[in-house]
Amino acid sequence: MKRLLFIAIPGLLVFPLSVFAQQSKSARKYVKHGIERFSKGDIAGAILEYDRALSVDPKLAEAYLNRGRAKRAGGDLDGAIADYEIACELSPELAEKNRDITEAYLNRGYARSNRLDVDGALADFDRAIKINPNDAEAYFKRGRAFLIEGNPKFAIADFDKSISLDDRNPLVFAERGLAHQSQGQDDQAQRDFERGLKLNNDLRLMLDLHLLDLQMQIKEMRRRKAAIQRNIARLTGIPGRMSNFDIAVQRLDVQPVKSFVGVR
């Protein structure tokens, strides 16, 4: 009887391993079908195949990664990032310098900063930088978010880092120039404006419009913060004080950004 028991136990161990191997093989087959559909532009069909793969093997990181890519292509950025995060938890090496994942965070962060959800934007940019610490665009966009938030010193530090990684983006110089100007550093600002224009003289109007849009976002953020401070003062009876950045922005109100007007 004991001998029969010893023989049966290995058989029980082999059976679940065999089932798991079959499930894994089946799930990967669905992933392969999904990749084929995605390559043909069938995003919905690809997502369906990845869903099937995950129904068979809920811990298949490859399926989450590819489904995230398909969702991003279909415009579901939040859904894509949710899948990317699960994939990275299951297989951290997938995230290392993965451009698809980095760009998803950068795109959502940029959209959030434009909606003045600066905290959300900074969280996305931090995540992108953690995935790829040498991504110049990530530092540039995080610097922009810091500038909108009212932290020009942090913004300049990120712009400096972005330029050290890639000094060919005229927008970085334009925004660093605005940050310097908000700090009263007019000479440094002018040098940045000139450098940005030198990189591409054809972008003169676009750069001015870009800075104008950024200024409007900074002022709107300041208006919202001032409204919050007024509400706090009304509830507590303690008057709010202007921050150094509020004073700097008032300076820009009095002295509009010269930017590329007059730069030769």
C-alpha atoms as a PDB file:
ATOM      1  CA  MET A   1       0.000   0.000   0.000  1.00  0.00           C
ATOM      2  CA  LYS A   2       2.809   2.392   0.909  1.00  0.00           C
ATOM      3  CA  ARG A   3       4.555   1.584  -2.342  1.00  0.00           C
ATOM      4  CA  LEU A   4       1.400   2.452  -4.295  1.00  0.00           C
ATOM      5  CA  LEU A   5       1.153   5.754  -2.384  1.00  0.00           C
ATOM      6  CA  PHE A   6       4.738   6.709  -3.253  1.00  0.00           C
ATOM      7  CA  ILE A   7       4.055   5.942  -6.893  1.00  0.00           C
ATOM      8  CA  ALA A   8       0.833   7.985  -6.879  1.00  0.00           C
ATOM      9  CA  ILE A   9       2.344  11.152  -5.369  1.00  0.00           C
ATOM     10  CA  PRO A  10       4.790  11.843  -8.241  1.00  0.00           C
ATOM     11  CA  GLY A  11       1.934  11.266 -10.619  1.00  0.00           C
ATOM     12  CA  LEU A  12      -0.126  13.924  -8.826  1.00  0.00           C
ATOM     13  CA  LEU A  13       2.797  16.351  -9.020  1.00  0.00           C
ATOM     14  CA  VAL A  14       3.357  15.786 -12.710  1.00  0.00           C
ATOM     15  CA  PHE A  15      -0.330  16.261 -13.561  1.00  0.00           C
ATOM     16  CA  PRO A  16      -0.683  19.912 -12.416  1.00  0.00           C
ATOM     17  CA  LEU A  17       2.685  20.794 -13.945  1.00  0.00           C
ATOM     18  CA  SER A  18       1.487  19.381 -17.233  1.00  0.00           C
ATOM     19  CA  VAL A  19      -1.774  21.353 -17.015  1.00  0.00           C
ATOM     20  CA  PHE A  20       0.140  24.561 -16.225  1.00  0.00           C
ATOM     21  CA  ALA A  21       2.447  24.011 -19.193  1.00  0.00           C
ATOM     22  CA  GLN A  22      -0.548  23.547 -21.490  1.00  0.00           C
ATOM     23  CA  GLN A  23      -2.209  26.699 -20.132  1.00  0.00           C
ATOM     24  CA  SER A  24       0.976  28.722 -20.589  1.00  0.00           C
ATOM     25  CA  LYS A  25       1.364  27.443 -24.136  1.00  0.00           C
ATOM     26  CA  SER A  26      -2.268  28.266 -24.924  1.00  0.00           C
ATOM     27  CA  ALA A  27      -1.961  31.773 -23.433  1.00  0.00           C
ATOM     28  CA  ARG A  28       1.169  32.528 -25.432  1.00  0.00           C
ATOM     29  CA  LYS A  29      -0.599  31.346 -28.551  1.00  0.00           C
ATOM     30  CA  TYR A  30      -3.328  33.933 -27.940  1.00  0.00           C
ATOM     31  CA  VAL A  31      -0.649  36.595 -27.418  1.00  0.00           C
ATOM     32  CA  LYS A  32       0.923  35.652 -30.741  1.00  0.00           C
ATOM     33  CA  HIS A  33      -2.474  35.967 -32.449  1.00  0.00           C
ATOM     34  CA  GLY A  34      -2.928  39.356 -30.773  1.00  0.00           C
ATOM     35  CA  ILE A  35       0.409  40.608 -32.057  1.00  0.00           C
ATOM     36  CA  GLU A  36      -0.531  39.470 -35.560  1.00  0.00           C
ATOM     37  CA  ARG A  37      -3.861  41.282 -35.389  1.00  0.00           C
ATOM     38  CA  PHE A  38      -2.240  44.419 -33.994  1.00  0.00           C
ATOM     39  CA  SER A  39       0.310  44.444 -36.817  1.00  0.00           C
ATOM     40  CA  LYS A  40      -2.622  44.495 -39.261  1.00  0.00           C
ATOM     41  CA  GLY A  41      -4.267  47.434 -37.503  1.00  0.00           C
ATOM     42  CA  ASP A  42      -6.996  45.360 -35.847  1.00  0.00           C
ATOM     43  CA  ILE A  43      -6.712  46.916 -32.375  1.00  0.00           C
ATOM     44  CA  ALA A  44     -10.023  45.593 -31.028  1.00  0.00           C
ATOM     45  CA  GLY A  45      -9.215  42.091 -32.285  1.00  0.00           C
ATOM     46  CA  ALA A  46      -5.761  42.251 -30.719  1.00  0.00           C
ATOM     47  CA  ILE A  47      -7.177  43.283 -27.342  1.00  0.00           C
ATOM     48  CA  LEU A  48      -9.658  40.398 -27.553  1.00  0.00           C
ATOM     49  CA  GLU A  49      -6.806  37.940 -28.082  1.00  0.00           C
ATOM     50  CA  TYR A  50      -4.860  39.383 -25.139  1.00  0.00           C
ATOM     51  CA  ASP A  51      -8.004  39.139 -22.992  1.00  0.00           C
ATOM     52  CA  ARG A  52      -8.229  35.456 -23.911  1.00  0.00           C
ATOM     53  CA  ALA A  53      -4.591  34.948 -23.018  1.00  0.00           C
ATOM     54  CA  LEU A  54      -5.120  36.510 -19.595  1.00  0.00           C
ATOM     55  CA  SER A  55      -8.240  34.473 -18.953  1.00  0.00           C
ATOM     56  CA  VAL A  56      -6.035  31.400 -19.328  1.00  0.00           C
ATOM     57  CA  ASP A  57      -2.966  32.784 -17.545  1.00  0.00           C
ATOM     58  CA  PRO A  58      -3.718  35.908 -15.438  1.00  0.00           C
ATOM     59  CA  LYS A  59      -0.023  36.324 -14.604  1.00  0.00           C
ATOM     60  CA  LEU A  60       1.363  36.472 -18.118  1.00  0.00           C
ATOM     61  CA  ALA A  61       3.262  39.780 -18.151  1.00  0.00           C
ATOM     62  CA  GLU A  62       3.727  39.642 -21.921  1.00  0.00           C
ATOM     63  CA  ALA A  63      -0.035  39.730 -22.412  1.00  0.00           C
ATOM     64  CA  TYR A  64      -0.455  42.819 -20.213  1.00  0.00           C
ATOM     65  CA  LEU A  65       2.417  44.575 -21.970  1.00  0.00           C
ATOM     66  CA  ASN A  66       1.003  43.970 -25.431  1.00  0.00           C
ATOM     67  CA  ARG A  67      -2.558  44.749 -24.397  1.00  0.00           C
ATOM     68  CA  GLY A  68      -1.283  48.014 -22.950  1.00  0.00           C
ATOM     69  CA  ARG A  69       0.357  48.817 -26.260  1.00  0.00           C
ATOM     70  CA  ALA A  70      -2.903  48.109 -28.098  1.00  0.00           C
ATOM     71  CA  LYS A  71      -4.957  50.186 -25.667  1.00  0.00           C
ATOM     72  CA  ARG A  72      -2.569  53.088 -26.069  1.00  0.00           C
ATOM     73  CA  ALA A  73      -2.865  52.852 -29.844  1.00  0.00           C
ATOM     74  CA  GLY A  74      -6.653  52.887 -29.415  1.00  0.00           C
ATOM     75  CA  GLY A  75      -6.537  56.053 -27.311  1.00  0.00           C
ATOM     76  CA  ASP A  76      -7.166  54.426 -23.913  1.00  0.00           C
ATOM     77  CA  LEU A  77      -4.126  55.902 -22.175  1.00  0.00           C
ATOM     78  CA  ASP A  78      -5.296  55.193 -18.627  1.00  0.00           C
ATOM     79  CA  GLY A  79      -6.111  51.594 -19.530  1.00  0.00           C
ATOM     80  CA  ALA A  80      -2.721  51.212 -21.198  1.00  0.00           C
ATOM     81  CA  ILE A  81      -0.856  52.482 -18.155  1.00  0.00           C
ATOM     82  CA  ALA A  82      -2.878  50.199 -15.867  1.00  0.00           C
ATOM     83  CA  ASP A  83      -1.767  47.219 -17.978  1.00  0.00           C
ATOM     84  CA  TYR A  84       1.823  48.447 -18.116  1.00  0.00           C
ATOM     85  CA  GLU A  85       1.941  48.735 -14.331  1.00  0.00           C
ATOM     86  CA  ILE A  86       0.704  45.157 -13.875  1.00  0.00           C
ATOM     87  CA  ALA A  87       3.214  43.924 -16.445  1.00  0.00           C
ATOM     88  CA  CYS A  88       6.027  45.689 -14.600  1.00  0.00           C
ATOM     89  CA  GLU A  89       4.942  44.244 -11.264  1.00  0.00           C
ATOM     90  CA  LEU A  90       4.944  40.735 -12.721  1.00  0.00           C
ATOM     91  CA  SER A  91       8.177  41.204 -14.663  1.00  0.00           C
ATOM     92  CA  PRO A  92      10.152  44.333 -13.603  1.00  0.00           C
ATOM     93  CA  GLU A  93      12.748  43.868 -16.350  1.00  0.00           C
ATOM     94  CA  LEU A  94      10.055  44.700 -18.932  1.00  0.00           C
ATOM     95  CA  ALA A  95      10.022  48.306 -17.737  1.00  0.00           C
ATOM     96  CA  GLU A  96      13.728  48.972 -18.096  1.00  0.00           C
ATOM     97  CA  LYS A  97      14.081  51.748 -20.673  1.00  0.00           C
ATOM     98  CA  ASN A  98      10.869  50.582 -22.394  1.00  0.00           C
ATOM     99  CA  ARG A  99      10.001  53.450 -24.712  1.00  0.00           C
ATOM    100  CA  ASP A 100       6.323  52.458 -25.041  1.00  0.00           C
ATOM    101  CA  ILE A 101       5.812  52.613 -21.287  1.00  0.00           C
ATOM    102  CA  THR A 102       7.814  55.824 -20.902  1.00  0.00           C
ATOM    103  CA  GLU A 103       5.873  57.580 -23.664  1.00  0.00           C
ATOM    104  CA  ALA A 104       2.551  56.537 -22.145  1.00  0.00           C
ATOM    105  CA  TYR A 105       3.479  58.246 -18.873  1.00  0.00           C
ATOM    106  CA  LEU A 106       4.845  61.286 -20.723  1.00  0.00           C
ATOM    107  CA  ASN A 107       1.694  61.652 -22.822  1.00  0.00           C
ATOM    108  CA  ARG A 108      -0.625  61.365 -19.850  1.00  0.00           C
ATOM    109  CA  GLY A 109       1.552  63.645 -17.766  1.00  0.00           C
ATOM    110  CA  TYR A 110       1.558  66.300 -20.490  1.00  0.00           C
ATOM    111  CA  ALA A 111      -2.230  66.086 -20.821  1.00  0.00           C
ATOM    112  CA  ARG A 112      -2.558  66.416 -17.057  1.00  0.00           C
ATOM    113  CA  SER A 113      -0.258  69.441 -16.922  1.00  0.00           C
ATOM    114  CA  ASN A 114      -2.310  71.123 -19.647  1.00  0.00           C
ATOM    115  CA  ARG A 115      -5.411  70.541 -17.487  1.00  0.00           C
ATOM    116  CA  LEU A 116      -3.406  72.034 -14.584  1.00  0.00           C
ATOM    117  CA  ASP A 117      -3.473  68.712 -12.730  1.00  0.00           C
ATOM    118  CA  VAL A 118       0.135  69.358 -11.813  1.00  0.00           C
ATOM    119  CA  ASP A 119       0.371  66.780  -9.025  1.00  0.00           C
ATOM    120  CA  GLY A 120      -0.846  64.058 -11.375  1.00  0.00           C
ATOM    121  CA  ALA A 121       1.509  65.263 -14.104  1.00  0.00           C
ATOM    122  CA  LEU A 122       4.531  65.252 -11.804  1.00  0.00           C
ATOM    123  CA  ALA A 123       3.687  61.719 -10.648  1.00  0.00           C
ATOM    124  CA  ASP A 124       3.632  60.535 -14.275  1.00  0.00           C
ATOM    125  CA  PHE A 125       6.882  62.306 -15.139  1.00  0.00           C
ATOM    126  CA  ASP A 126       8.560  60.895 -12.020  1.00  0.00           C
ATOM    127  CA  ARG A 127       7.508  57.413 -13.120  1.00  0.00           C
ATOM    128  CA  ALA A 128       8.830  57.982 -16.654  1.00  0.00           C
ATOM    129  CA  ILE A 129      12.186  59.147 -15.269  1.00  0.00           C
ATOM    130  CA  LYS A 130      12.359  56.144 -12.966  1.00  0.00           C
ATOM    131  CA  ILE A 131      11.905  53.860 -15.984  1.00  0.00           C
ATOM    132  CA  ASN A 132      14.438  55.754 -18.082  1.00  0.00           C
ATOM    133  CA  PRO A 133      16.665  58.200 -16.159  1.00  0.00           C
ATOM    134  CA  ASN A 134      18.258  59.381 -19.418  1.00  0.00           C
ATOM    135  CA  ASP A 135      15.125  60.541 -21.209  1.00  0.00           C
ATOM    136  CA  ALA A 136      15.593  64.225 -22.083  1.00  0.00           C
ATOM    137  CA  GLU A 137      11.906  64.721 -22.897  1.00  0.00           C
ATOM    138  CA  ALA A 138      10.859  63.506 -19.444  1.00  0.00           C
ATOM    139  CA  TYR A 139      12.999  66.133 -17.688  1.00  0.00           C
ATOM    140  CA  PHE A 140      11.790  68.819 -20.099  1.00  0.00           C
ATOM    141  CA  LYS A 141       8.120  68.069 -19.450  1.00  0.00           C
ATOM    142  CA  ARG A 142       8.621  67.736 -15.705  1.00  0.00           C
ATOM    143  CA  GLY A 143      10.413  71.087 -15.725  1.00  0.00           C
ATOM    144  CA  ARG A 144       7.419  72.606 -17.491  1.00  0.00           C
ATOM    145  CA  ALA A 145       5.090  71.175 -14.839  1.00  0.00           C
ATOM    146  CA  PHE A 146       7.291  72.625 -12.085  1.00  0.00           C
ATOM    147  CA  LEU A 147       7.164  76.012 -13.813  1.00  0.00           C
ATOM    148  CA  ILE A 148       3.364  75.898 -14.020  1.00  0.00           C
ATOM    149  CA  GLU A 149       3.214  74.842 -10.366  1.00  0.00           C
ATOM    150  CA  GLY A 150       5.265  77.850  -9.340  1.00  0.00           C
ATOM    151  CA  ASN A 151       8.649  76.286  -8.707  1.00  0.00           C
ATOM    152  CA  PRO A 152      11.049  77.892 -11.198  1.00  0.00           C
ATOM    153  CA  LYS A 153      14.195  76.665  -9.408  1.00  0.00           C
ATOM    154  CA  PHE A 154      13.162  73.025  -9.783  1.00  0.00           C
ATOM    155  CA  ALA A 155      12.078  73.797 -13.343  1.00  0.00           C
ATOM    156  CA  ILE A 156      15.500  75.210 -14.237  1.00  0.00           C
ATOM    157  CA  ALA A 157      17.218  72.164 -12.708  1.00  0.00           C
ATOM    158  CA  ASP A 158      15.124  69.847 -14.900  1.00  0.00           C
ATOM    159  CA  PHE A 159      15.659  71.997 -17.998  1.00  0.00           C
ATOM    160  CA  ASP A 160      19.407  71.890 -17.322  1.00  0.00           C
ATOM    161  CA  LYS A 161      19.288  68.106 -17.100  1.00  0.00           C
ATOM    162  CA  SER A 162      17.237  67.839 -20.291  1.00  0.00           C
ATOM    163  CA  ILE A 163      19.704  70.033 -22.174  1.00  0.00           C
ATOM    164  CA  SER A 164      22.643  68.005 -20.874  1.00  0.00           C
ATOM    165  CA  LEU A 165      21.033  64.919 -22.438  1.00  0.00           C
ATOM    166  CA  ASP A 166      19.865  66.587 -25.673  1.00  0.00           C
ATOM    167  CA  ASP A 167      20.695  70.208 -26.511  1.00  0.00           C
ATOM    168  CA  ARG A 168      18.771  70.301 -29.812  1.00  0.00           C
ATOM    169  CA  ASN A 169      15.281  71.117 -28.516  1.00  0.00           C
ATOM    170  CA  PRO A 170      14.535  74.861 -28.875  1.00  0.00           C
ATOM    171  CA  LEU A 171      11.486  74.604 -26.593  1.00  0.00           C
ATOM    172  CA  VAL A 172      13.647  73.664 -23.611  1.00  0.00           C
ATOM    173  CA  PHE A 173      15.708  76.833 -24.027  1.00  0.00           C
ATOM    174  CA  ALA A 174      12.542  78.907 -24.477  1.00  0.00           C
ATOM    175  CA  GLU A 175      10.970  77.604 -21.281  1.00  0.00           C
ATOM    176  CA  ARG A 176      14.203  77.857 -19.304  1.00  0.00           C
ATOM    177  CA  GLY A 177      14.424  81.437 -20.521  1.00  0.00           C
ATOM    178  CA  LEU A 178      10.946  82.102 -19.146  1.00  0.00           C
ATOM    179  CA  ALA A 179      11.923  80.496 -15.832  1.00  0.00           C
ATOM    180  CA  HIS A 180      15.048  82.680 -15.628  1.00  0.00           C
ATOM    181  CA  GLN A 181      13.015  85.770 -16.466  1.00  0.00           C
ATOM    182  CA  SER A 182      10.518  84.998 -13.707  1.00  0.00           C
ATOM    183  CA  GLN A 183      13.524  84.965 -11.341  1.00  0.00           C
ATOM    184  CA  GLY A 184      14.715  88.354 -12.559  1.00  0.00           C
ATOM    185  CA  GLN A 185      17.644  86.793 -14.400  1.00  0.00           C
ATOM    186  CA  ASP A 186      17.117  88.729 -17.625  1.00  0.00           C
ATOM    187  CA  ASP A 187      20.580  88.189 -19.108  1.00  0.00           C
ATOM    188  CA  GLN A 188      20.366  84.422 -18.728  1.00  0.00           C
ATOM    189  CA  ALA A 189      16.821  84.504 -20.080  1.00  0.00           C
ATOM    190  CA  GLN A 190      17.888  86.409 -23.174  1.00  0.00           C
ATOM    191  CA  ARG A 191      20.750  83.987 -23.831  1.00  0.00           C
ATOM    192  CA  ASP A 192      18.299  81.097 -23.681  1.00  0.00           C
ATOM    193  CA  PHE A 193      15.848  82.828 -26.017  1.00  0.00           C
ATOM    194  CA  GLU A 194      18.656  83.499 -28.488  1.00  0.00           C
ATOM    195  CA  ARG A 195      19.899  79.903 -28.264  1.00  0.00           C
ATOM    196  CA  GLY A 196      16.408  78.553 -28.869  1.00  0.00           C
ATOM    197  CA  LEU A 197      15.960  80.762 -31.894  1.00  0.00           C
ATOM    198  CA  LYS A 198      19.389  79.854 -33.244  1.00  0.00           C
ATOM    199  CA  LEU A 199      18.411  76.182 -33.245  1.00  0.00           C
ATOM    200  CA  ASN A 200      15.595  76.914 -35.682  1.00  0.00           C
ATOM    201  CA  ASN A 201      14.860  80.440 -36.830  1.00  0.00           C
ATOM    202  CA  ASP A 202      11.758  79.199 -38.676  1.00  0.00           C
ATOM    203  CA  LEU A 203      10.123  78.462 -35.297  1.00  0.00           C
ATOM    204  CA  ARG A 204      10.133  82.104 -34.134  1.00  0.00           C
ATOM    205  CA  LEU A 205       6.335  82.537 -34.196  1.00  0.00           C
ATOM    206  CA  MET A 206       5.672  79.063 -32.863  1.00  0.00           C
ATOM    207  CA  LEU A 207       8.051  79.615 -29.946  1.00  0.00           C
ATOM    208  CA  ASP A 208       6.417  82.919 -29.050  1.00  0.00           C
ATOM    209  CA  LEU A 209       2.970  81.317 -29.138  1.00  0.00           C
ATOM    210  CA  HIS A 210       4.266  78.418 -27.053  1.00  0.00           C
ATOM    211  CA  LEU A 211       5.560  80.795 -24.392  1.00  0.00           C
ATOM    212  CA  LEU A 212       2.329  82.785 -24.446  1.00  0.00           C
ATOM    213  CA  ASP A 213       0.338  79.613 -23.839  1.00  0.00           C
ATOM    214  CA  LEU A 214       2.665  78.640 -21.002  1.00  0.00           C
ATOM    215  CA  GLN A 215       2.319  82.079 -19.406  1.00  0.00           C
ATOM    216  CA  MET A 216      -1.459  81.759 -19.517  1.00  0.00           C
ATOM    217  CA  GLN A 217      -1.263  78.399 -17.744  1.00  0.00           C
ATOM    218  CA  ILE A 218       1.044  79.826 -15.079  1.00  0.00           C
ATOM    219  CA  LYS A 219      -1.322  82.737 -14.468  1.00  0.00           C
ATOM    220  CA  GLU A 220      -4.360  80.449 -14.299  1.00  0.00           C
ATOM    221  CA  MET A 221      -2.580  78.238 -11.768  1.00  0.00           C
ATOM    222  CA  ARG A 222      -1.717  81.323  -9.745  1.00  0.00           C
ATOM    223  CA  ARG A 223      -5.362  82.451  -9.906  1.00  0.00           C
ATOM    224  CA  ARG A 224      -6.535  79.069  -8.597  1.00  0.00           C
ATOM    225  CA  LYS A 225      -4.009  79.081  -5.779  1.00  0.00           C
ATOM    226  CA  ALA A 226      -4.999  82.637  -4.845  1.00  0.00           C
ATOM    227  CA  ALA A 227      -8.663  81.581  -4.722  1.00  0.00           C
ATOM    228  CA  ILE A 228      -7.764  78.713  -2.376  1.00  0.00           C
ATOM    229  CA  GLN A 229      -5.766  81.088  -0.169  1.00  0.00           C
ATOM    230  CA  ARG A 230      -8.701  83.516  -0.019  1.00  0.00           C
ATOM    231  CA  ASN A 231     -11.030  80.709   1.010  1.00  0.00           C
ATOM    232  CA  ILE A 232      -8.608  79.597   3.733  1.00  0.00           C
ATOM    233  CA  ALA A 233      -8.224  83.175   4.946  1.00  0.00           C
ATOM    234  CA  ARG A 234     -12.001  83.613   5.066  1.00  0.00           C
ATOM    235  CA  LEU A 235     -12.455  80.406   7.063  1.00  0.00           C
ATOM    236  CA  THR A 236      -9.524  80.937   9.445  1.00  0.00           C
ATOM    237  CA  GLY A 237      -9.348  84.711   9.650  1.00  0.00           C
ATOM    238  CA  ILE A 238      -5.634  84.517   8.802  1.00  0.00           C
ATOM    239  CA  PRO A 239      -4.694  86.547   5.697  1.00  0.00           C
ATOM    240  CA  GLY A 240      -2.668  84.724   3.054  1.00  0.00           C
ATOM    241  CA  ARG A 241       0.743  85.939   1.909  1.00  0.00           C
ATOM    242  CA  MET A 242       2.038  86.169  -1.618  1.00  0.00           C
ATOM    243  CA  SER A 243       4.691  83.627  -2.546  1.00  0.00           C
ATOM    244  CA  ASN A 244       7.934  84.627  -4.246  1.00  0.00           C
ATOM    245  CA  PHE A 245       6.624  83.048  -7.444  1.00  0.00           C
ATOM    246  CA  ASP A 246       3.417  85.128  -7.290  1.00  0.00           C
ATOM    247  CA  ILE A 247       5.600  88.198  -7.078  1.00  0.00           C
ATOM    248  CA  ALA A 248       7.670  86.925 -10.022  1.00  0.00           C
ATOM    249  CA  VAL A 249       4.573  86.340 -12.121  1.00  0.00           C
ATOM    250  CA  GLN A 250       3.353  89.837 -11.282  1.00  0.00           C
ATOM    251  CA  ARG A 251       6.668  91.023 -12.649  1.00  0.00           C
ATOM    252  CA  LEU A 252       5.902  89.206 -15.893  1.00  0.00           C
ATOM    253  CA  ASP A 253       2.486  90.896 -15.933  1.00  0.00           C
ATOM    254  CA  VAL A 254       4.175  94.282 -15.743  1.00  0.00           C
ATOM    255  CA  GLN A 255       7.046  93.301 -18.061  1.00  0.00           C
ATOM    256  CA  PRO A 256       5.706  90.956 -20.743  1.00  0.00           C
ATOM    257  CA  VAL A 257       8.101  88.276 -21.888  1.00  0.00           C
ATOM    258  CA  LYS A 258      10.231  89.654 -24.702  1.00  0.00           C
ATOM    259  CA  SER A 259      11.030  86.111 -25.850  1.00  0.00           C
ATOM    260  CA  PHE A 260      11.980  86.131 -29.506  1.00  0.00           C
ATOM    261  CA  VAL A 261      10.619  89.541 -30.410  1.00  0.00           C
ATOM    262  CA  GLY A 262      13.620  91.663 -31.235  1.00  0.00           C
ATOM    263  CA  VAL A 263      16.032  88.727 -31.191  1.00  0.00           C
ATOM    264  CA  ARG A 264      18.145  88.675 -34.328  1.00  0.00           C
END
